[in-house]
């Protein structure tokens, strides 16, 4: 990736302070315009105001309701390349992104060259998965999802969600606050790389946490 200034308008849509600060220092001098945005409302407002060549975003932490929302955003603003930069990602989430036309994915643990390669590919309309993302895609046949990264409490909450309990009901049943349950939910979504309850339930089925006949939407 060329390190000289380029006439490209780039937007970083992420909620993590350290990520935003580091990427601003790394990338802002490369483009004619570089903006950091922390809310979906702010992103939509910016896209309405001026054309954007490149969107770098975290599909898990940023407040997209579903993967499809990001896909629709790219369809609404044609010509905008997108790179998903996230802490972790599942095989299922990669497939969902691909199905929505999002094919440039890098992990935050990857090195800078992986990010630069993904950016260049996105700007040219080509696909790029980092080496770590490819490793996930090339896993041997068998269980695609691993729930061992969850604590016992988080697994219990996943099962309660699958059983149709609301956040308020889970809090009452476990004798904890509504806020504590919400914190657990956010941590579960972040760890598993999912962004909705339906994605969480699909993950739970694949991981063997629940049977596919015992959950409720």
C-alpha atoms as a PDB file:
ATOM      1  CA  UNK A   1       0.000   0.000   0.000  1.00  0.00           C
ATOM      2  CA  UNK A   2       1.350   3.381  -0.984  1.00  0.00           C
ATOM      3  CA  UNK A   3       2.195   5.599   1.970  1.00  0.00           C
ATOM      4  CA  UNK A   4       1.731   8.847   0.004  1.00  0.00           C
ATOM      5  CA  UNK A   5      -1.308  11.124   0.345  1.00  0.00           C
ATOM      6  CA  UNK A   6      -4.235   9.989  -1.822  1.00  0.00           C
ATOM      7  CA  UNK A   7      -7.511  11.642  -2.872  1.00  0.00           C
ATOM      8  CA  UNK A   8      -9.659   9.186  -0.945  1.00  0.00           C
ATOM      9  CA  UNK A   9     -12.342   9.870   1.637  1.00  0.00           C
ATOM     10  CA  UNK A  10     -12.180   7.250   4.394  1.00  0.00           C
ATOM     11  CA  UNK A  11     -14.389   6.638   7.421  1.00  0.00           C
ATOM     12  CA  UNK A  12     -13.568   4.537  10.471  1.00  0.00           C
ATOM     13  CA  UNK A  13     -16.760   3.371  12.219  1.00  0.00           C
ATOM     14  CA  UNK A  14     -15.827   1.789  15.544  1.00  0.00           C
ATOM     15  CA  UNK A  15     -16.641   2.266  19.221  1.00  0.00           C
ATOM     16  CA  UNK A  16     -13.275   1.336  20.759  1.00  0.00           C
ATOM     17  CA  UNK A  17     -11.203   4.359  21.808  1.00  0.00           C
ATOM     18  CA  UNK A  18      -7.818   2.644  21.459  1.00  0.00           C
ATOM     19  CA  UNK A  19      -8.688   1.215  18.040  1.00  0.00           C
ATOM     20  CA  UNK A  20      -9.862   4.604  16.806  1.00  0.00           C
ATOM     21  CA  UNK A  21      -6.798   6.386  18.151  1.00  0.00           C
ATOM     22  CA  UNK A  22      -4.341   3.851  16.728  1.00  0.00           C
ATOM     23  CA  UNK A  23      -5.939   3.681  13.286  1.00  0.00           C
ATOM     24  CA  UNK A  24      -6.258   7.449  13.062  1.00  0.00           C
ATOM     25  CA  UNK A  25      -2.514   7.735  13.700  1.00  0.00           C
ATOM     26  CA  UNK A  26      -1.780   4.965  11.197  1.00  0.00           C
ATOM     27  CA  UNK A  27      -4.086   5.958   8.342  1.00  0.00           C
ATOM     28  CA  UNK A  28      -5.280   9.569   8.551  1.00  0.00           C
ATOM     29  CA  UNK A  29      -2.241  11.049   6.770  1.00  0.00           C
ATOM     30  CA  UNK A  30      -2.727   8.681   3.813  1.00  0.00           C
ATOM     31  CA  UNK A  31      -6.042  10.085   2.636  1.00  0.00           C
ATOM     32  CA  UNK A  32      -7.483  13.456   1.695  1.00  0.00           C
ATOM     33  CA  UNK A  33     -10.242  12.931   4.259  1.00  0.00           C
ATOM     34  CA  UNK A  34     -10.332  10.607   7.280  1.00  0.00           C
ATOM     35  CA  UNK A  35     -13.168  10.666   9.808  1.00  0.00           C
ATOM     36  CA  UNK A  36     -13.720   8.603  12.949  1.00  0.00           C
ATOM     37  CA  UNK A  37     -17.373   7.927  13.802  1.00  0.00           C
ATOM     38  CA  UNK A  38     -18.706   6.069  16.849  1.00  0.00           C
ATOM     39  CA  UNK A  39     -22.473   5.766  16.201  1.00  0.00           C
ATOM     40  CA  UNK A  40     -24.618   4.486  13.351  1.00  0.00           C
ATOM     41  CA  UNK A  41     -26.611   7.721  13.321  1.00  0.00           C
ATOM     42  CA  UNK A  42     -23.386   9.660  12.912  1.00  0.00           C
ATOM     43  CA  UNK A  43     -22.279   7.354  10.103  1.00  0.00           C
ATOM     44  CA  UNK A  44     -25.552   7.758   8.203  1.00  0.00           C
ATOM     45  CA  UNK A  45     -25.389  11.519   8.615  1.00  0.00           C
ATOM     46  CA  UNK A  46     -21.832  11.606   7.274  1.00  0.00           C
ATOM     47  CA  UNK A  47     -22.678   9.400   4.278  1.00  0.00           C
ATOM     48  CA  UNK A  48     -25.532  11.748   3.371  1.00  0.00           C
ATOM     49  CA  UNK A  49     -23.221  14.749   3.586  1.00  0.00           C
ATOM     50  CA  UNK A  50     -20.304  13.608   1.416  1.00  0.00           C
ATOM     51  CA  UNK A  51     -19.204  10.639  -0.727  1.00  0.00           C
ATOM     52  CA  UNK A  52     -17.038   8.039   0.983  1.00  0.00           C
ATOM     53  CA  UNK A  53     -14.532   5.828  -0.815  1.00  0.00           C
ATOM     54  CA  UNK A  54     -13.655   3.528   2.076  1.00  0.00           C
ATOM     55  CA  UNK A  55     -15.473   2.342   5.204  1.00  0.00           C
ATOM     56  CA  UNK A  56     -13.512   0.488   7.904  1.00  0.00           C
ATOM     57  CA  UNK A  57     -15.836  -0.896  10.555  1.00  0.00           C
ATOM     58  CA  UNK A  58     -16.321  -3.460  13.312  1.00  0.00           C
ATOM     59  CA  UNK A  59     -19.456  -5.483  12.548  1.00  0.00           C
ATOM     60  CA  UNK A  60     -19.667  -6.774  16.141  1.00  0.00           C
ATOM     61  CA  UNK A  61     -19.087  -3.677  18.280  1.00  0.00           C
ATOM     62  CA  UNK A  62     -20.635  -1.015  16.038  1.00  0.00           C
ATOM     63  CA  UNK A  63     -24.409  -0.681  16.405  1.00  0.00           C
ATOM     64  CA  UNK A  64     -25.571  -2.418  13.225  1.00  0.00           C
ATOM     65  CA  UNK A  65     -28.736  -4.359  13.983  1.00  0.00           C
ATOM     66  CA  UNK A  66     -27.786  -7.183  11.627  1.00  0.00           C
ATOM     67  CA  UNK A  67     -25.127  -8.069   9.069  1.00  0.00           C
ATOM     68  CA  UNK A  68     -27.726  -7.266   6.439  1.00  0.00           C
ATOM     69  CA  UNK A  69     -27.809  -3.629   7.548  1.00  0.00           C
ATOM     70  CA  UNK A  70     -24.171  -3.180   6.598  1.00  0.00           C
ATOM     71  CA  UNK A  71     -24.802  -4.965   3.308  1.00  0.00           C
ATOM     72  CA  UNK A  72     -27.723  -2.637   2.568  1.00  0.00           C
ATOM     73  CA  UNK A  73     -25.555   0.367   3.401  1.00  0.00           C
ATOM     74  CA  UNK A  74     -23.063  -0.700   0.733  1.00  0.00           C
ATOM     75  CA  UNK A  75     -25.874  -1.163  -1.771  1.00  0.00           C
ATOM     76  CA  UNK A  76     -27.278   2.278  -0.949  1.00  0.00           C
ATOM     77  CA  UNK A  77     -23.880   3.955  -1.333  1.00  0.00           C
ATOM     78  CA  UNK A  78     -22.417   2.262  -4.382  1.00  0.00           C
ATOM     79  CA  UNK A  79     -18.717   2.756  -4.983  1.00  0.00           C
ATOM     80  CA  UNK A  80     -17.877   2.625  -1.279  1.00  0.00           C
ATOM     81  CA  UNK A  81     -15.432  -0.140  -0.397  1.00  0.00           C
ATOM     82  CA  UNK A  82     -15.714  -1.770   3.030  1.00  0.00           C
ATOM     83  CA  UNK A  83     -13.251  -3.522   5.331  1.00  0.00           C
ATOM     84  CA  UNK A  84     -14.511  -5.357   8.408  1.00  0.00           C
ATOM     85  CA  UNK A  85     -11.944  -5.076  11.208  1.00  0.00           C
ATOM     86  CA  UNK A  86     -12.963  -7.022  14.304  1.00  0.00           C
ATOM     87  CA  UNK A  87     -11.608  -8.706  17.428  1.00  0.00           C
ATOM     88  CA  UNK A  88     -12.912 -12.168  16.555  1.00  0.00           C
ATOM     89  CA  UNK A  89     -15.195 -13.767  14.003  1.00  0.00           C
ATOM     90  CA  UNK A  90     -16.959 -17.071  13.441  1.00  0.00           C
ATOM     91  CA  UNK A  91     -17.252 -19.219  10.339  1.00  0.00           C
ATOM     92  CA  UNK A  92     -20.977 -18.416  10.298  1.00  0.00           C
ATOM     93  CA  UNK A  93     -20.386 -14.664  10.457  1.00  0.00           C
ATOM     94  CA  UNK A  94     -17.871 -14.802   7.590  1.00  0.00           C
ATOM     95  CA  UNK A  95     -20.472 -16.577   5.472  1.00  0.00           C
ATOM     96  CA  UNK A  96     -23.126 -13.990   6.355  1.00  0.00           C
ATOM     97  CA  UNK A  97     -20.791 -11.148   5.436  1.00  0.00           C
ATOM     98  CA  UNK A  98     -19.921 -12.834   2.159  1.00  0.00           C
ATOM     99  CA  UNK A  99     -23.612 -13.325   1.372  1.00  0.00           C
ATOM    100  CA  UNK A 100     -24.095  -9.575   1.871  1.00  0.00           C
ATOM    101  CA  UNK A 101     -21.246  -8.677  -0.474  1.00  0.00           C
ATOM    102  CA  UNK A 102     -18.706  -7.923   2.268  1.00  0.00           C
ATOM    103  CA  UNK A 103     -15.539  -9.801   1.396  1.00  0.00           C
ATOM    104  CA  UNK A 104     -12.689  -7.883   3.018  1.00  0.00           C
ATOM    105  CA  UNK A 105     -12.151  -9.073   6.584  1.00  0.00           C
ATOM    106  CA  UNK A 106      -9.215  -8.549   8.948  1.00  0.00           C
ATOM    107  CA  UNK A 107      -8.793  -9.268  12.658  1.00  0.00           C
ATOM    108  CA  UNK A 108      -7.544  -6.621  15.063  1.00  0.00           C
ATOM    109  CA  UNK A 109      -4.780  -9.047  16.027  1.00  0.00           C
ATOM    110  CA  UNK A 110      -3.461  -9.113  12.435  1.00  0.00           C
ATOM    111  CA  UNK A 111      -0.457  -7.010  11.459  1.00  0.00           C
ATOM    112  CA  UNK A 112      -0.626  -3.692   9.614  1.00  0.00           C
ATOM    113  CA  UNK A 113       0.232  -5.187   6.225  1.00  0.00           C
ATOM    114  CA  UNK A 114      -2.834  -7.412   6.379  1.00  0.00           C
ATOM    115  CA  UNK A 115      -4.951  -4.300   6.964  1.00  0.00           C
ATOM    116  CA  UNK A 116      -3.273  -2.436   4.110  1.00  0.00           C
ATOM    117  CA  UNK A 117      -3.861  -5.377   1.754  1.00  0.00           C
ATOM    118  CA  UNK A 118      -7.539  -5.521   2.730  1.00  0.00           C
ATOM    119  CA  UNK A 119      -7.935  -1.767   2.178  1.00  0.00           C
ATOM    120  CA  UNK A 120      -6.337  -1.897  -1.258  1.00  0.00           C
ATOM    121  CA  UNK A 121      -8.546  -4.825  -2.241  1.00  0.00           C
ATOM    122  CA  UNK A 122     -11.684  -3.041  -1.035  1.00  0.00           C
ATOM    123  CA  UNK A 123     -10.819   0.117  -2.975  1.00  0.00           C
ATOM    124  CA  UNK A 124     -10.323  -1.971  -6.130  1.00  0.00           C
ATOM    125  CA  UNK A 125     -13.469  -4.051  -5.641  1.00  0.00           C
ATOM    126  CA  UNK A 126     -11.555  -7.249  -4.898  1.00  0.00           C
ATOM    127  CA  UNK A 127     -11.810  -9.789  -2.071  1.00  0.00           C
ATOM    128  CA  UNK A 128      -9.251 -10.102   0.732  1.00  0.00           C
ATOM    129  CA  UNK A 129      -9.311 -12.243   3.867  1.00  0.00           C
ATOM    130  CA  UNK A 130      -6.388 -12.064   6.276  1.00  0.00           C
ATOM    131  CA  UNK A 131      -4.428 -15.228   6.997  1.00  0.00           C
ATOM    132  CA  UNK A 132      -6.189 -15.734  10.329  1.00  0.00           C
ATOM    133  CA  UNK A 133      -9.601 -15.342   8.710  1.00  0.00           C
ATOM    134  CA  UNK A 134      -8.635 -17.857   6.025  1.00  0.00           C
ATOM    135  CA  UNK A 135      -7.610 -20.297   8.771  1.00  0.00           C
ATOM    136  CA  UNK A 136     -11.153 -20.109  10.142  1.00  0.00           C
ATOM    137  CA  UNK A 137     -12.615 -20.721   6.686  1.00  0.00           C
ATOM    138  CA  UNK A 138     -10.294 -23.661   6.014  1.00  0.00           C
ATOM    139  CA  UNK A 139     -11.002 -25.525   9.219  1.00  0.00           C
ATOM    140  CA  UNK A 140     -11.647 -29.238   8.688  1.00  0.00           C
ATOM    141  CA  UNK A 141     -15.201 -30.528   8.561  1.00  0.00           C
ATOM    142  CA  UNK A 142     -16.777 -30.947  11.955  1.00  0.00           C
ATOM    143  CA  UNK A 143     -18.253 -28.615  14.545  1.00  0.00           C
ATOM    144  CA  UNK A 144     -17.776 -25.092  13.212  1.00  0.00           C
ATOM    145  CA  UNK A 145     -18.467 -23.310  16.470  1.00  0.00           C
ATOM    146  CA  UNK A 146     -16.626 -23.450  19.779  1.00  0.00           C
ATOM    147  CA  UNK A 147     -18.397 -22.422  22.986  1.00  0.00           C
ATOM    148  CA  UNK A 148     -15.413 -23.042  25.277  1.00  0.00           C
ATOM    149  CA  UNK A 149     -14.639 -19.318  25.239  1.00  0.00           C
ATOM    150  CA  UNK A 150     -17.845 -18.692  27.218  1.00  0.00           C
ATOM    151  CA  UNK A 151     -18.034 -18.838  31.006  1.00  0.00           C
ATOM    152  CA  UNK A 152     -20.538 -21.169  32.701  1.00  0.00           C
ATOM    153  CA  UNK A 153     -22.748 -18.175  33.508  1.00  0.00           C
ATOM    154  CA  UNK A 154     -22.681 -17.014  29.894  1.00  0.00           C
ATOM    155  CA  UNK A 155     -23.603 -20.493  28.664  1.00  0.00           C
ATOM    156  CA  UNK A 156     -26.516 -20.550  31.118  1.00  0.00           C
ATOM    157  CA  UNK A 157     -27.716 -17.179  29.809  1.00  0.00           C
ATOM    158  CA  UNK A 158     -27.444 -18.385  26.200  1.00  0.00           C
ATOM    159  CA  UNK A 159     -29.693 -21.322  27.103  1.00  0.00           C
ATOM    160  CA  UNK A 160     -32.184 -18.992  28.792  1.00  0.00           C
ATOM    161  CA  UNK A 161     -32.268 -16.767  25.707  1.00  0.00           C
ATOM    162  CA  UNK A 162     -32.848 -19.887  23.610  1.00  0.00           C
ATOM    163  CA  UNK A 163     -35.692 -20.788  25.952  1.00  0.00           C
ATOM    164  CA  UNK A 164     -37.427 -17.534  25.107  1.00  0.00           C
ATOM    165  CA  UNK A 165     -36.726 -15.637  28.338  1.00  0.00           C
ATOM    166  CA  UNK A 166     -36.463 -11.852  28.154  1.00  0.00           C
ATOM    167  CA  UNK A 167     -33.591  -9.926  29.703  1.00  0.00           C
ATOM    168  CA  UNK A 168     -35.867  -8.934  32.592  1.00  0.00           C
ATOM    169  CA  UNK A 169     -36.925 -12.549  33.146  1.00  0.00           C
ATOM    170  CA  UNK A 170     -33.318 -13.771  33.093  1.00  0.00           C
ATOM    171  CA  UNK A 171     -32.372 -11.130  35.672  1.00  0.00           C
ATOM    172  CA  UNK A 172     -35.217 -12.223  37.968  1.00  0.00           C
ATOM    173  CA  UNK A 173     -34.433 -15.920  37.604  1.00  0.00           C
ATOM    174  CA  UNK A 174     -30.716 -15.449  38.362  1.00  0.00           C
ATOM    175  CA  UNK A 175     -31.281 -12.779  41.051  1.00  0.00           C
ATOM    176  CA  UNK A 176     -29.059 -10.271  39.272  1.00  0.00           C
ATOM    177  CA  UNK A 177     -29.721  -6.815  37.862  1.00  0.00           C
ATOM    178  CA  UNK A 178     -31.056  -6.054  34.397  1.00  0.00           C
ATOM    179  CA  UNK A 179     -27.810  -4.157  33.707  1.00  0.00           C
ATOM    180  CA  UNK A 180     -25.706  -7.206  34.644  1.00  0.00           C
ATOM    181  CA  UNK A 181     -27.648  -9.397  32.202  1.00  0.00           C
ATOM    182  CA  UNK A 182     -27.160  -6.799  29.464  1.00  0.00           C
ATOM    183  CA  UNK A 183     -23.422  -6.796  30.170  1.00  0.00           C
ATOM    184  CA  UNK A 184     -23.347 -10.591  29.895  1.00  0.00           C
ATOM    185  CA  UNK A 185     -25.264 -10.400  26.586  1.00  0.00           C
ATOM    186  CA  UNK A 186     -22.802  -7.879  25.155  1.00  0.00           C
ATOM    187  CA  UNK A 187     -19.845 -10.023  26.216  1.00  0.00           C
ATOM    188  CA  UNK A 188     -21.423 -13.149  24.701  1.00  0.00           C
ATOM    189  CA  UNK A 189     -22.110 -11.390  21.393  1.00  0.00           C
ATOM    190  CA  UNK A 190     -18.565  -9.977  21.320  1.00  0.00           C
ATOM    191  CA  UNK A 191     -16.876 -13.306  22.096  1.00  0.00           C
ATOM    192  CA  UNK A 192     -18.891 -15.269  19.535  1.00  0.00           C
ATOM    193  CA  UNK A 193     -18.801 -12.614  16.814  1.00  0.00           C
ATOM    194  CA  UNK A 194     -22.598 -12.435  16.455  1.00  0.00           C
ATOM    195  CA  UNK A 195     -24.829  -9.376  16.317  1.00  0.00           C
ATOM    196  CA  UNK A 196     -28.386 -10.652  16.893  1.00  0.00           C
ATOM    197  CA  UNK A 197     -30.296 -13.208  18.969  1.00  0.00           C
ATOM    198  CA  UNK A 198     -31.055 -15.321  15.895  1.00  0.00           C
ATOM    199  CA  UNK A 199     -27.336 -15.501  15.036  1.00  0.00           C
ATOM    200  CA  UNK A 200     -26.604 -16.405  18.650  1.00  0.00           C
ATOM    201  CA  UNK A 201     -29.109 -19.268  18.550  1.00  0.00           C
ATOM    202  CA  UNK A 202     -27.661 -20.636  15.309  1.00  0.00           C
ATOM    203  CA  UNK A 203     -24.211 -20.525  16.901  1.00  0.00           C
ATOM    204  CA  UNK A 204     -25.516 -22.265  20.044  1.00  0.00           C
ATOM    205  CA  UNK A 205     -27.037 -25.074  17.982  1.00  0.00           C
ATOM    206  CA  UNK A 206     -23.805 -25.635  16.058  1.00  0.00           C
ATOM    207  CA  UNK A 207     -21.816 -25.598  19.304  1.00  0.00           C
ATOM    208  CA  UNK A 208     -24.120 -28.196  20.848  1.00  0.00           C
ATOM    209  CA  UNK A 209     -25.348 -25.892  23.620  1.00  0.00           C
ATOM    210  CA  UNK A 210     -28.984 -26.448  22.637  1.00  0.00           C
ATOM    211  CA  UNK A 211     -30.926 -28.763  20.344  1.00  0.00           C
ATOM    212  CA  UNK A 212     -32.387 -27.203  17.222  1.00  0.00           C
ATOM    213  CA  UNK A 213     -35.893 -28.191  18.373  1.00  0.00           C
ATOM    214  CA  UNK A 214     -35.826 -26.535  21.789  1.00  0.00           C
ATOM    215  CA  UNK A 215     -35.291 -22.865  21.100  1.00  0.00           C
ATOM    216  CA  UNK A 216     -37.765 -20.025  20.642  1.00  0.00           C
ATOM    217  CA  UNK A 217     -37.499 -16.833  18.591  1.00  0.00           C
END
